[in-house]
Amino acid sequence: MHDSFSTEQKKKIITFINLALKFNKTHNIFSRKNHNEVYEKDILDCLPLIEFLKKNDNVLDLGTGGGFPGVLLSIAKPSNQINLLEKNKKKCYFLKIVIDELKLKNTRIINKTIAKQNTLGKFDIITARAFASIQKIINLTKNNTHQNSKYILLKGKKLNIKDELKDIDKNKLRYEIIKQEATTKERNIVLIEKNE
């Protein structure tokens, strides 16, 4: 477990994994069989995102699903407002159980499908894992960014990322691809910011 986590945070992460596995038996929210698999494929996969959050950043996690990375960010960054956007009612029900059980006061569930003309407000950080292509995420969240907003997207192969980045407006946006070492398959974080 990550060194920077307090004992309390470590307990919450273990409880979160246990709740996910228990709920999964009846509701099938993800394809994981045991604690180690969730830890390696989900927790370790999402951990690097934590480093990018500054204190008080207001975060929107698109398509949270079973809570990755959103719930992990909530546990790790209690002073940040974390908004979990998820259209699936069953998954939102699970997220509510987790938030109540872990007493995550900094977390809000938004049970909606994101649309271009949404009125969700502005966010400092927009994050997503296995949600949509980079250009689609940018298009859908035009209403949700301000001058200093950043996208922190968890993506796979660099080759595919380069392909996705072809379509973005390089005059308005700059990006960085950050290779992740700790994972079994190729993983990169794509950081996108507005040009000054």
N, C-alpha and C. Protein backbone atom coordinates (compact mmCIF):
# COMPACT_ATOMS: atom_id res chain seq x y z
N MET A 1 0.85 -1.21 0.00
CA MET A 1 0.00 0.00 0.00
C MET A 1 0.88 1.25 0.00
N HIS A 2 0.40 2.28 -0.61
CA HIS A 2 1.13 3.54 -0.77
C HIS A 2 1.62 4.12 0.56
N ASP A 3 2.88 4.54 0.59
CA ASP A 3 3.48 5.04 1.84
C ASP A 3 2.80 6.28 2.39
N SER A 4 2.28 7.10 1.50
CA SER A 4 1.70 8.37 1.95
C SER A 4 0.32 8.20 2.59
N PHE A 5 -0.25 6.99 2.52
CA PHE A 5 -1.57 6.78 3.12
C PHE A 5 -1.47 6.62 4.63
N SER A 6 -2.42 7.21 5.32
CA SER A 6 -2.50 7.00 6.77
C SER A 6 -3.11 5.62 7.01
N THR A 7 -3.03 5.15 8.25
CA THR A 7 -3.63 3.86 8.60
C THR A 7 -5.13 3.88 8.30
N GLU A 8 -5.75 5.00 8.61
CA GLU A 8 -7.19 5.17 8.38
C GLU A 8 -7.51 5.04 6.88
N GLN A 9 -6.69 5.67 6.04
CA GLN A 9 -6.91 5.60 4.59
C GLN A 9 -6.70 4.18 4.07
N LYS A 10 -5.70 3.50 4.59
CA LYS A 10 -5.45 2.11 4.18
C LYS A 10 -6.65 1.23 4.52
N LYS A 11 -7.20 1.46 5.72
CA LYS A 11 -8.39 0.69 6.14
C LYS A 11 -9.55 0.94 5.18
N LYS A 12 -9.72 2.22 4.80
CA LYS A 12 -10.82 2.57 3.89
C LYS A 12 -10.65 1.90 2.53
N ILE A 13 -9.43 1.84 2.05
CA ILE A 13 -9.18 1.21 0.75
C ILE A 13 -9.52 -0.28 0.82
N ILE A 14 -9.12 -0.94 1.91
CA ILE A 14 -9.42 -2.37 2.08
C ILE A 14 -10.94 -2.58 2.16
N THR A 15 -11.62 -1.73 2.92
CA THR A 15 -13.09 -1.82 3.03
C THR A 15 -13.73 -1.61 1.66
N PHE A 16 -13.22 -0.63 0.91
CA PHE A 16 -13.73 -0.34 -0.43
C PHE A 16 -13.61 -1.57 -1.33
N ILE A 17 -12.45 -2.22 -1.31
CA ILE A 17 -12.24 -3.42 -2.13
C ILE A 17 -13.21 -4.53 -1.70
N ASN A 18 -13.34 -4.72 -0.38
CA ASN A 18 -14.25 -5.76 0.12
C ASN A 18 -15.70 -5.49 -0.28
N LEU A 19 -16.12 -4.23 -0.19
CA LEU A 19 -17.49 -3.86 -0.59
C LEU A 19 -17.69 -4.13 -2.08
N ALA A 20 -16.69 -3.79 -2.88
CA ALA A 20 -16.79 -3.99 -4.34
C ALA A 20 -16.92 -5.48 -4.67
N LEU A 21 -16.12 -6.30 -4.03
CA LEU A 21 -16.17 -7.75 -4.29
C LEU A 21 -17.51 -8.34 -3.85
N LYS A 22 -17.99 -7.87 -2.71
CA LYS A 22 -19.27 -8.37 -2.17
C LYS A 22 -20.43 -7.98 -3.10
N PHE A 23 -20.46 -6.71 -3.47
CA PHE A 23 -21.53 -6.19 -4.33
C PHE A 23 -21.47 -6.87 -5.71
N ASN A 24 -20.24 -7.13 -6.16
CA ASN A 24 -20.02 -7.73 -7.47
C ASN A 24 -20.63 -9.12 -7.61
N LYS A 25 -20.71 -9.84 -6.50
CA LYS A 25 -21.27 -11.20 -6.53
C LYS A 25 -22.71 -11.20 -7.04
N THR A 26 -23.45 -10.17 -6.67
CA THR A 26 -24.86 -10.14 -7.08
C THR A 26 -25.13 -9.15 -8.22
N HIS A 27 -24.28 -8.15 -8.38
CA HIS A 27 -24.59 -7.09 -9.35
C HIS A 27 -23.61 -6.96 -10.51
N ASN A 28 -22.52 -7.70 -10.45
CA ASN A 28 -21.56 -7.71 -11.56
C ASN A 28 -21.17 -6.31 -12.06
N ILE A 29 -20.46 -5.55 -11.21
CA ILE A 29 -20.04 -4.21 -11.62
C ILE A 29 -18.67 -4.21 -12.31
N PHE A 30 -17.90 -5.23 -12.09
CA PHE A 30 -16.62 -5.36 -12.82
C PHE A 30 -16.16 -6.82 -12.82
N SER A 31 -15.18 -7.13 -13.68
CA SER A 31 -14.75 -8.54 -13.79
C SER A 31 -13.49 -8.78 -12.96
N ARG A 32 -13.67 -8.86 -11.67
CA ARG A 32 -12.55 -9.14 -10.76
C ARG A 32 -12.96 -10.29 -9.85
N LYS A 33 -11.98 -11.14 -9.51
CA LYS A 33 -12.32 -12.32 -8.72
C LYS A 33 -11.96 -12.20 -7.24
N ASN A 34 -10.85 -11.49 -6.95
CA ASN A 34 -10.40 -11.46 -5.55
C ASN A 34 -9.70 -10.14 -5.20
N HIS A 35 -9.38 -10.02 -3.94
CA HIS A 35 -8.78 -8.81 -3.38
C HIS A 35 -7.51 -8.41 -4.13
N ASN A 36 -6.62 -9.36 -4.38
CA ASN A 36 -5.35 -9.06 -5.06
C ASN A 36 -5.56 -8.53 -6.47
N GLU A 37 -6.54 -9.10 -7.14
CA GLU A 37 -6.80 -8.67 -8.52
C GLU A 37 -7.30 -7.22 -8.54
N VAL A 38 -8.20 -6.88 -7.63
CA VAL A 38 -8.70 -5.50 -7.55
C VAL A 38 -7.53 -4.57 -7.20
N TYR A 39 -6.72 -5.00 -6.25
CA TYR A 39 -5.60 -4.16 -5.81
C TYR A 39 -4.63 -3.90 -6.97
N GLU A 40 -4.26 -4.96 -7.67
CA GLU A 40 -3.27 -4.82 -8.75
C GLU A 40 -3.83 -4.13 -9.99
N LYS A 41 -5.05 -4.50 -10.38
CA LYS A 41 -5.58 -3.98 -11.65
C LYS A 41 -6.28 -2.64 -11.50
N ASP A 42 -6.76 -2.33 -10.29
CA ASP A 42 -7.53 -1.09 -10.12
C ASP A 42 -6.83 -0.08 -9.21
N ILE A 43 -6.51 -0.50 -8.00
CA ILE A 43 -5.89 0.44 -7.05
C ILE A 43 -4.53 0.92 -7.56
N LEU A 44 -3.64 -0.02 -7.88
CA LEU A 44 -2.31 0.36 -8.35
C LEU A 44 -2.38 1.13 -9.67
N ASP A 45 -3.35 0.79 -10.49
CA ASP A 45 -3.53 1.44 -11.78
C ASP A 45 -3.88 2.93 -11.60
N CYS A 46 -4.71 3.21 -10.60
CA CYS A 46 -5.21 4.58 -10.40
C CYS A 46 -4.35 5.42 -9.45
N LEU A 47 -3.52 4.77 -8.65
CA LEU A 47 -2.70 5.49 -7.65
C LEU A 47 -1.93 6.70 -8.19
N PRO A 48 -1.26 6.58 -9.36
CA PRO A 48 -0.45 7.71 -9.83
C PRO A 48 -1.23 9.02 -10.01
N LEU A 49 -2.54 8.91 -10.24
CA LEU A 49 -3.36 10.12 -10.45
C LEU A 49 -3.35 11.03 -9.22
N ILE A 50 -3.21 10.42 -8.05
CA ILE A 50 -3.27 11.17 -6.78
C ILE A 50 -2.23 12.29 -6.76
N GLU A 51 -1.05 12.00 -7.31
CA GLU A 51 0.05 12.97 -7.29
C GLU A 51 -0.30 14.27 -8.02
N PHE A 52 -1.25 14.20 -8.94
CA PHE A 52 -1.56 15.38 -9.76
C PHE A 52 -2.57 16.33 -9.11
N LEU A 53 -3.18 15.89 -8.02
CA LEU A 53 -4.20 16.73 -7.39
C LEU A 53 -3.57 17.68 -6.38
N LYS A 54 -3.91 18.95 -6.54
CA LYS A 54 -3.47 19.92 -5.54
C LYS A 54 -4.59 20.07 -4.51
N LYS A 55 -4.23 20.57 -3.35
CA LYS A 55 -5.21 20.77 -2.28
C LYS A 55 -6.36 21.64 -2.81
N ASN A 56 -7.57 21.25 -2.47
CA ASN A 56 -8.79 21.98 -2.84
C ASN A 56 -9.18 21.91 -4.31
N ASP A 57 -8.47 21.15 -5.14
CA ASP A 57 -8.92 20.97 -6.53
C ASP A 57 -10.30 20.33 -6.53
N ASN A 58 -11.18 20.86 -7.37
CA ASN A 58 -12.51 20.30 -7.55
C ASN A 58 -12.44 19.34 -8.75
N VAL A 59 -12.73 18.06 -8.51
CA VAL A 59 -12.47 17.02 -9.51
C VAL A 59 -13.77 16.43 -10.05
N LEU A 60 -13.80 16.20 -11.36
CA LEU A 60 -14.90 15.47 -11.99
C LEU A 60 -14.32 14.18 -12.57
N ASP A 61 -14.84 13.05 -12.10
CA ASP A 61 -14.42 11.75 -12.62
C ASP A 61 -15.52 11.25 -13.56
N LEU A 62 -15.19 11.15 -14.84
CA LEU A 62 -16.17 10.76 -15.86
C LEU A 62 -16.32 9.24 -15.92
N GLY A 63 -17.54 8.77 -15.83
CA GLY A 63 -17.79 7.33 -15.93
C GLY A 63 -17.08 6.55 -14.84
N THR A 64 -17.35 6.93 -13.61
CA THR A 64 -16.67 6.35 -12.45
C THR A 64 -16.79 4.83 -12.38
N GLY A 65 -17.93 4.30 -12.81
CA GLY A 65 -18.12 2.84 -12.76
C GLY A 65 -18.11 2.34 -11.33
N GLY A 66 -17.22 1.40 -11.04
CA GLY A 66 -17.11 0.84 -9.69
C GLY A 66 -16.32 1.72 -8.73
N GLY A 67 -15.97 2.93 -9.16
CA GLY A 67 -15.30 3.87 -8.26
C GLY A 67 -13.83 4.11 -8.54
N PHE A 68 -13.39 3.72 -9.73
CA PHE A 68 -11.98 3.95 -10.08
C PHE A 68 -11.86 4.94 -11.22
N PRO A 69 -11.12 6.01 -11.04
CA PRO A 69 -10.32 6.35 -9.87
C PRO A 69 -11.05 7.16 -8.79
N GLY A 70 -12.30 7.57 -9.03
CA GLY A 70 -12.98 8.52 -8.16
C GLY A 70 -12.94 8.26 -6.67
N VAL A 71 -13.34 7.05 -6.25
CA VAL A 71 -13.40 6.76 -4.81
C VAL A 71 -12.00 6.75 -4.21
N LEU A 72 -11.04 6.23 -4.96
CA LEU A 72 -9.66 6.23 -4.47
C LEU A 72 -9.16 7.67 -4.24
N LEU A 73 -9.51 8.57 -5.16
CA LEU A 73 -9.13 9.98 -5.01
C LEU A 73 -9.82 10.59 -3.78
N SER A 74 -11.08 10.21 -3.56
CA SER A 74 -11.83 10.70 -2.38
C SER A 74 -11.14 10.30 -1.08
N ILE A 75 -10.68 9.06 -1.03
CA ILE A 75 -10.02 8.55 0.17
C ILE A 75 -8.68 9.24 0.36
N ALA A 76 -7.94 9.37 -0.74
CA ALA A 76 -6.58 9.92 -0.67
C ALA A 76 -6.55 11.42 -0.42
N LYS A 77 -7.58 12.13 -0.91
CA LYS A 77 -7.58 13.60 -0.85
C LYS A 77 -8.85 14.13 -0.20
N PRO A 78 -8.95 13.99 1.13
CA PRO A 78 -10.19 14.40 1.80
C PRO A 78 -10.51 15.90 1.69
N SER A 79 -9.51 16.74 1.36
CA SER A 79 -9.80 18.18 1.24
C SER A 79 -10.26 18.55 -0.17
N ASN A 80 -10.29 17.59 -1.06
CA ASN A 80 -10.74 17.86 -2.43
C ASN A 80 -12.20 17.45 -2.60
N GLN A 81 -12.93 18.23 -3.40
CA GLN A 81 -14.30 17.86 -3.74
C GLN A 81 -14.21 16.90 -4.93
N ILE A 82 -14.72 15.67 -4.76
CA ILE A 82 -14.67 14.68 -5.84
C ILE A 82 -16.09 14.40 -6.31
N ASN A 83 -16.32 14.60 -7.59
CA ASN A 83 -17.64 14.39 -8.20
C ASN A 83 -17.59 13.16 -9.10
N LEU A 84 -18.43 12.20 -8.79
CA LEU A 84 -18.43 10.93 -9.52
C LEU A 84 -19.58 10.92 -10.51
N LEU A 85 -19.28 11.01 -11.79
CA LEU A 85 -20.32 11.01 -12.81
C LEU A 85 -20.49 9.58 -13.34
N GLU A 86 -21.67 9.05 -13.17
CA GLU A 86 -21.93 7.66 -13.60
C GLU A 86 -23.39 7.55 -14.04
N LYS A 87 -23.63 7.07 -15.27
CA LYS A 87 -25.01 7.00 -15.78
C LYS A 87 -25.76 5.75 -15.30
N ASN A 88 -25.00 4.69 -14.93
CA ASN A 88 -25.61 3.42 -14.56
C ASN A 88 -26.15 3.48 -13.11
N LYS A 89 -27.46 3.29 -12.97
CA LYS A 89 -28.10 3.40 -11.64
C LYS A 89 -27.54 2.39 -10.63
N LYS A 90 -27.31 1.18 -11.12
CA LYS A 90 -26.80 0.10 -10.26
C LYS A 90 -25.43 0.48 -9.69
N LYS A 91 -24.57 1.03 -10.55
CA LYS A 91 -23.25 1.45 -10.09
C LYS A 91 -23.34 2.63 -9.13
N CYS A 92 -24.28 3.54 -9.39
CA CYS A 92 -24.48 4.68 -8.48
C CYS A 92 -24.96 4.20 -7.11
N TYR A 93 -25.79 3.20 -7.11
CA TYR A 93 -26.27 2.61 -5.85
C TYR A 93 -25.08 2.05 -5.07
N PHE A 94 -24.20 1.35 -5.76
CA PHE A 94 -22.99 0.81 -5.13
C PHE A 94 -22.12 1.96 -4.60
N LEU A 95 -21.93 2.99 -5.40
CA LEU A 95 -21.09 4.14 -4.98
C LEU A 95 -21.66 4.80 -3.72
N LYS A 96 -23.00 4.86 -3.66
CA LYS A 96 -23.64 5.44 -2.48
C LYS A 96 -23.33 4.61 -1.23
N ILE A 97 -23.39 3.29 -1.36
CA ILE A 97 -23.05 2.39 -0.24
C ILE A 97 -21.62 2.66 0.23
N VAL A 98 -20.70 2.77 -0.74
CA VAL A 98 -19.29 3.00 -0.42
C VAL A 98 -19.10 4.34 0.30
N ILE A 99 -19.71 5.39 -0.25
CA ILE A 99 -19.56 6.72 0.33
C ILE A 99 -20.10 6.77 1.76
N ASP A 100 -21.25 6.13 1.97
CA ASP A 100 -21.84 6.09 3.32
C ASP A 100 -20.97 5.30 4.28
N GLU A 101 -20.55 4.13 3.84
CA GLU A 101 -19.76 3.23 4.68
C GLU A 101 -18.41 3.85 5.06
N LEU A 102 -17.78 4.52 4.09
CA LEU A 102 -16.45 5.10 4.33
C LEU A 102 -16.51 6.54 4.82
N LYS A 103 -17.75 7.06 4.95
CA LYS A 103 -17.97 8.45 5.41
C LYS A 103 -17.15 9.45 4.59
N LEU A 104 -17.28 9.34 3.29
CA LEU A 104 -16.55 10.24 2.39
C LEU A 104 -17.38 11.52 2.17
N LYS A 105 -17.14 12.49 3.02
CA LYS A 105 -17.93 13.74 3.02
C LYS A 105 -17.60 14.63 1.81
N ASN A 106 -16.48 14.34 1.15
CA ASN A 106 -16.03 15.18 0.04
C ASN A 106 -16.49 14.67 -1.32
N THR A 107 -17.46 13.74 -1.30
CA THR A 107 -17.79 13.04 -2.54
C THR A 107 -19.26 13.18 -2.90
N ARG A 108 -19.51 13.44 -4.18
CA ARG A 108 -20.87 13.62 -4.67
C ARG A 108 -21.08 12.72 -5.89
N ILE A 109 -22.21 12.04 -5.94
CA ILE A 109 -22.53 11.19 -7.09
C ILE A 109 -23.44 11.97 -8.03
N ILE A 110 -23.10 11.94 -9.32
CA ILE A 110 -23.95 12.57 -10.33
C ILE A 110 -24.43 11.45 -11.25
N ASN A 111 -25.70 11.04 -11.07
CA ASN A 111 -26.25 9.94 -11.87
C ASN A 111 -26.83 10.50 -13.18
N LYS A 112 -25.94 10.75 -14.14
CA LYS A 112 -26.35 11.35 -15.42
C LYS A 112 -25.45 10.85 -16.53
N THR A 113 -25.93 11.03 -17.73
CA THR A 113 -25.08 10.85 -18.91
C THR A 113 -24.59 12.24 -19.26
N ILE A 114 -23.29 12.39 -19.44
CA ILE A 114 -22.79 13.74 -19.74
C ILE A 114 -23.14 14.13 -21.17
N ALA A 115 -23.62 15.36 -21.32
CA ALA A 115 -23.95 15.90 -22.65
C ALA A 115 -23.18 17.20 -22.82
N LYS A 116 -22.98 17.59 -24.08
CA LYS A 116 -22.22 18.82 -24.37
C LYS A 116 -22.79 20.04 -23.64
N GLN A 117 -24.10 20.15 -23.65
CA GLN A 117 -24.72 21.34 -23.05
C GLN A 117 -25.04 21.13 -21.57
N ASN A 118 -24.20 20.41 -20.86
CA ASN A 118 -24.51 20.12 -19.46
C ASN A 118 -24.32 21.36 -18.58
N THR A 119 -24.95 21.31 -17.42
CA THR A 119 -24.85 22.44 -16.46
C THR A 119 -24.22 21.95 -15.16
N LEU A 120 -23.23 21.08 -15.29
CA LEU A 120 -22.60 20.50 -14.09
C LEU A 120 -21.67 21.49 -13.38
N GLY A 121 -21.30 22.54 -14.09
CA GLY A 121 -20.38 23.52 -13.49
C GLY A 121 -18.96 23.33 -13.97
N LYS A 122 -18.04 24.09 -13.38
CA LYS A 122 -16.62 24.08 -13.78
C LYS A 122 -15.80 23.26 -12.79
N PHE A 123 -14.77 22.61 -13.32
CA PHE A 123 -13.92 21.77 -12.47
C PHE A 123 -12.45 22.08 -12.74
N ASP A 124 -11.63 21.92 -11.71
CA ASP A 124 -10.19 22.15 -11.85
C ASP A 124 -9.53 20.98 -12.56
N ILE A 125 -10.02 19.77 -12.25
CA ILE A 125 -9.45 18.55 -12.81
C ILE A 125 -10.58 17.70 -13.37
N ILE A 126 -10.39 17.20 -14.59
CA ILE A 126 -11.33 16.24 -15.16
C ILE A 126 -10.52 14.97 -15.41
N THR A 127 -11.00 13.88 -14.84
CA THR A 127 -10.27 12.63 -14.97
C THR A 127 -11.19 11.55 -15.53
N ALA A 128 -10.59 10.54 -16.12
CA ALA A 128 -11.37 9.43 -16.67
C ALA A 128 -10.46 8.24 -16.89
N ARG A 129 -11.06 7.08 -16.78
CA ARG A 129 -10.34 5.83 -17.06
C ARG A 129 -11.28 4.97 -17.88
N ALA A 130 -10.84 4.59 -19.06
CA ALA A 130 -11.67 3.76 -19.96
C ALA A 130 -13.05 4.37 -20.17
N PHE A 131 -13.08 5.66 -20.49
CA PHE A 131 -14.38 6.33 -20.67
C PHE A 131 -14.69 6.59 -22.14
N ALA A 132 -13.82 7.31 -22.82
CA ALA A 132 -14.04 7.66 -24.23
C ALA A 132 -12.72 8.14 -24.81
N SER A 133 -12.74 8.46 -26.10
CA SER A 133 -11.52 8.98 -26.72
C SER A 133 -11.23 10.37 -26.15
N ILE A 134 -9.99 10.80 -26.28
CA ILE A 134 -9.57 12.10 -25.72
C ILE A 134 -10.40 13.23 -26.32
N GLN A 135 -10.55 13.22 -27.65
CA GLN A 135 -11.31 14.30 -28.30
C GLN A 135 -12.77 14.30 -27.84
N LYS A 136 -13.34 13.13 -27.67
CA LYS A 136 -14.74 13.05 -27.22
C LYS A 136 -14.87 13.62 -25.80
N ILE A 137 -13.91 13.29 -24.93
CA ILE A 137 -13.93 13.82 -23.56
C ILE A 137 -13.85 15.35 -23.59
N ILE A 138 -12.96 15.88 -24.42
CA ILE A 138 -12.81 17.35 -24.52
C ILE A 138 -14.10 17.97 -25.03
N ASN A 139 -14.70 17.38 -26.06
CA ASN A 139 -15.96 17.90 -26.61
C ASN A 139 -17.09 17.90 -25.58
N LEU A 140 -17.20 16.80 -24.85
CA LEU A 140 -18.30 16.66 -23.88
C LEU A 140 -18.14 17.58 -22.67
N THR A 141 -16.91 18.03 -22.40
CA THR A 141 -16.69 18.80 -21.17
C THR A 141 -16.32 20.27 -21.44
N LYS A 142 -16.64 20.75 -22.63
CA LYS A 142 -16.33 22.16 -22.95
C LYS A 142 -16.95 23.12 -21.92
N ASN A 143 -18.14 22.78 -21.44
CA ASN A 143 -18.83 23.62 -20.45
C ASN A 143 -18.22 23.51 -19.05
N ASN A 144 -17.32 22.57 -18.85
CA ASN A 144 -16.89 22.23 -17.49
C ASN A 144 -15.46 22.65 -17.17
N THR A 145 -14.84 23.42 -18.07
CA THR A 145 -13.45 23.81 -17.82
C THR A 145 -13.33 25.33 -17.71
N HIS A 146 -12.31 25.76 -16.98
CA HIS A 146 -11.94 27.18 -16.94
C HIS A 146 -10.50 27.26 -17.46
N GLN A 147 -9.91 28.44 -17.40
CA GLN A 147 -8.59 28.65 -18.00
C GLN A 147 -7.51 27.70 -17.45
N ASN A 148 -7.62 27.35 -16.15
CA ASN A 148 -6.57 26.52 -15.54
C ASN A 148 -6.96 25.06 -15.34
N SER A 149 -8.09 24.67 -15.91
CA SER A 149 -8.51 23.26 -15.78
C SER A 149 -7.50 22.34 -16.45
N LYS A 150 -7.39 21.14 -15.88
CA LYS A 150 -6.50 20.12 -16.47
C LYS A 150 -7.27 18.83 -16.65
N TYR A 151 -6.90 18.10 -17.69
CA TYR A 151 -7.41 16.74 -17.88
C TYR A 151 -6.29 15.80 -17.44
N ILE A 152 -6.64 14.82 -16.61
CA ILE A 152 -5.68 13.78 -16.24
C ILE A 152 -6.35 12.46 -16.59
N LEU A 153 -5.94 11.90 -17.72
CA LEU A 153 -6.64 10.74 -18.26
C LEU A 153 -5.76 9.50 -18.20
N LEU A 154 -6.34 8.43 -17.71
CA LEU A 154 -5.62 7.16 -17.62
C LEU A 154 -5.86 6.41 -18.92
N LYS A 155 -4.79 6.17 -19.65
CA LYS A 155 -4.90 5.56 -20.98
C LYS A 155 -3.95 4.39 -21.12
N GLY A 156 -4.10 3.68 -22.22
CA GLY A 156 -3.28 2.49 -22.47
C GLY A 156 -2.03 2.76 -23.29
N LYS A 157 -1.97 2.15 -24.47
CA LYS A 157 -0.76 2.19 -25.30
C LYS A 157 -0.49 3.58 -25.89
N LYS A 158 0.79 3.94 -25.89
CA LYS A 158 1.22 5.25 -26.40
C LYS A 158 0.81 5.43 -27.87
N LEU A 159 0.90 4.35 -28.63
CA LEU A 159 0.54 4.40 -30.04
C LEU A 159 -0.91 4.83 -30.23
N ASN A 160 -1.81 4.24 -29.44
CA ASN A 160 -3.23 4.59 -29.51
C ASN A 160 -3.47 6.02 -29.03
N ILE A 161 -2.72 6.43 -28.00
CA ILE A 161 -2.88 7.79 -27.47
C ILE A 161 -2.49 8.81 -28.54
N LYS A 162 -1.35 8.56 -29.20
CA LYS A 162 -0.89 9.47 -30.27
C LYS A 162 -1.97 9.61 -31.33
N ASP A 163 -2.61 8.49 -31.64
CA ASP A 163 -3.68 8.49 -32.63
C ASP A 163 -4.86 9.36 -32.15
N GLU A 164 -5.22 9.19 -30.88
CA GLU A 164 -6.33 9.98 -30.30
C GLU A 164 -5.98 11.48 -30.24
N LEU A 165 -4.71 11.78 -30.03
CA LEU A 165 -4.31 13.18 -29.88
C LEU A 165 -4.22 13.93 -31.21
N LYS A 166 -4.28 13.18 -32.31
CA LYS A 166 -4.19 13.83 -33.64
C LYS A 166 -5.29 14.87 -33.82
N ASP A 167 -6.47 14.58 -33.25
CA ASP A 167 -7.64 15.42 -33.48
C ASP A 167 -7.74 16.64 -32.59
N ILE A 168 -6.92 16.72 -31.54
CA ILE A 168 -7.14 17.85 -30.63
C ILE A 168 -6.49 19.13 -31.16
N ASP A 169 -7.03 20.25 -30.77
CA ASP A 169 -6.56 21.55 -31.22
C ASP A 169 -5.27 21.93 -30.48
N LYS A 170 -4.14 21.75 -31.17
CA LYS A 170 -2.82 21.97 -30.52
C LYS A 170 -2.55 23.46 -30.25
N ASN A 171 -3.32 24.33 -30.91
CA ASN A 171 -3.15 25.77 -30.63
C ASN A 171 -3.74 26.12 -29.26
N LYS A 172 -4.80 25.41 -28.93
CA LYS A 172 -5.50 25.73 -27.67
C LYS A 172 -5.04 24.85 -26.51
N LEU A 173 -4.57 23.65 -26.82
CA LEU A 173 -4.25 22.69 -25.76
C LEU A 173 -2.83 22.16 -25.90
N ARG A 174 -2.19 21.94 -24.76
CA ARG A 174 -0.90 21.25 -24.80
C ARG A 174 -1.02 19.98 -23.97
N TYR A 175 -0.23 18.99 -24.31
CA TYR A 175 -0.36 17.71 -23.61
C TYR A 175 0.99 17.10 -23.31
N GLU A 176 0.94 16.16 -22.37
CA GLU A 176 2.14 15.42 -22.00
C GLU A 176 1.68 13.97 -21.76
N ILE A 177 2.48 13.02 -22.27
CA ILE A 177 2.18 11.60 -22.04
C ILE A 177 3.18 11.10 -21.01
N ILE A 178 2.68 10.61 -19.89
CA ILE A 178 3.55 10.19 -18.79
C ILE A 178 3.45 8.68 -18.62
N LYS A 179 4.53 8.02 -18.92
CA LYS A 179 4.56 6.55 -18.86
C LYS A 179 4.49 6.07 -17.41
N GLN A 180 3.67 5.04 -17.18
CA GLN A 180 3.54 4.45 -15.85
C GLN A 180 4.36 3.17 -15.76
N GLU A 181 5.20 3.09 -14.76
CA GLU A 181 6.11 1.95 -14.66
C GLU A 181 5.52 0.77 -13.89
N ALA A 182 4.67 1.06 -12.92
CA ALA A 182 4.30 0.03 -11.93
C ALA A 182 3.25 -0.98 -12.41
N THR A 183 2.88 -0.93 -13.65
CA THR A 183 1.78 -1.80 -14.08
C THR A 183 2.26 -2.93 -14.98
N THR A 184 1.42 -3.95 -15.10
CA THR A 184 1.79 -5.13 -15.89
C THR A 184 1.63 -4.87 -17.39
N LYS A 185 0.57 -4.15 -17.76
CA LYS A 185 0.42 -3.83 -19.19
C LYS A 185 0.74 -2.35 -19.42
N GLU A 186 0.95 -1.98 -20.69
CA GLU A 186 1.36 -0.60 -20.96
C GLU A 186 0.28 0.40 -20.53
N ARG A 187 0.71 1.35 -19.73
CA ARG A 187 -0.19 2.36 -19.16
C ARG A 187 0.46 3.72 -19.24
N ASN A 188 -0.32 4.71 -19.61
CA ASN A 188 0.17 6.09 -19.65
C ASN A 188 -0.88 7.02 -19.08
N ILE A 189 -0.41 8.09 -18.47
CA ILE A 189 -1.32 9.15 -18.06
C ILE A 189 -1.16 10.28 -19.08
N VAL A 190 -2.28 10.78 -19.57
CA VAL A 190 -2.23 11.91 -20.49
C VAL A 190 -2.69 13.15 -19.73
N LEU A 191 -1.80 14.11 -19.66
CA LEU A 191 -2.07 15.37 -18.98
C LEU A 191 -2.31 16.42 -20.05
N ILE A 192 -3.48 17.06 -20.01
CA ILE A 192 -3.81 18.07 -21.01
C ILE A 192 -4.18 19.38 -20.31
N GLU A 193 -3.58 20.45 -20.77
CA GLU A 193 -3.87 21.78 -20.20
C GLU A 193 -4.12 22.76 -21.33
N LYS A 194 -4.77 23.88 -20.99
CA LYS A 194 -4.98 24.91 -22.00
C LYS A 194 -3.68 25.70 -22.16
N ASN A 195 -3.40 26.10 -23.40
CA ASN A 195 -2.27 26.98 -23.64
C ASN A 195 -2.60 28.36 -23.07
N GLU A 196 -1.59 29.01 -22.54
CA GLU A 196 -1.84 30.34 -21.93
C GLU A 196 -2.44 31.29 -22.95
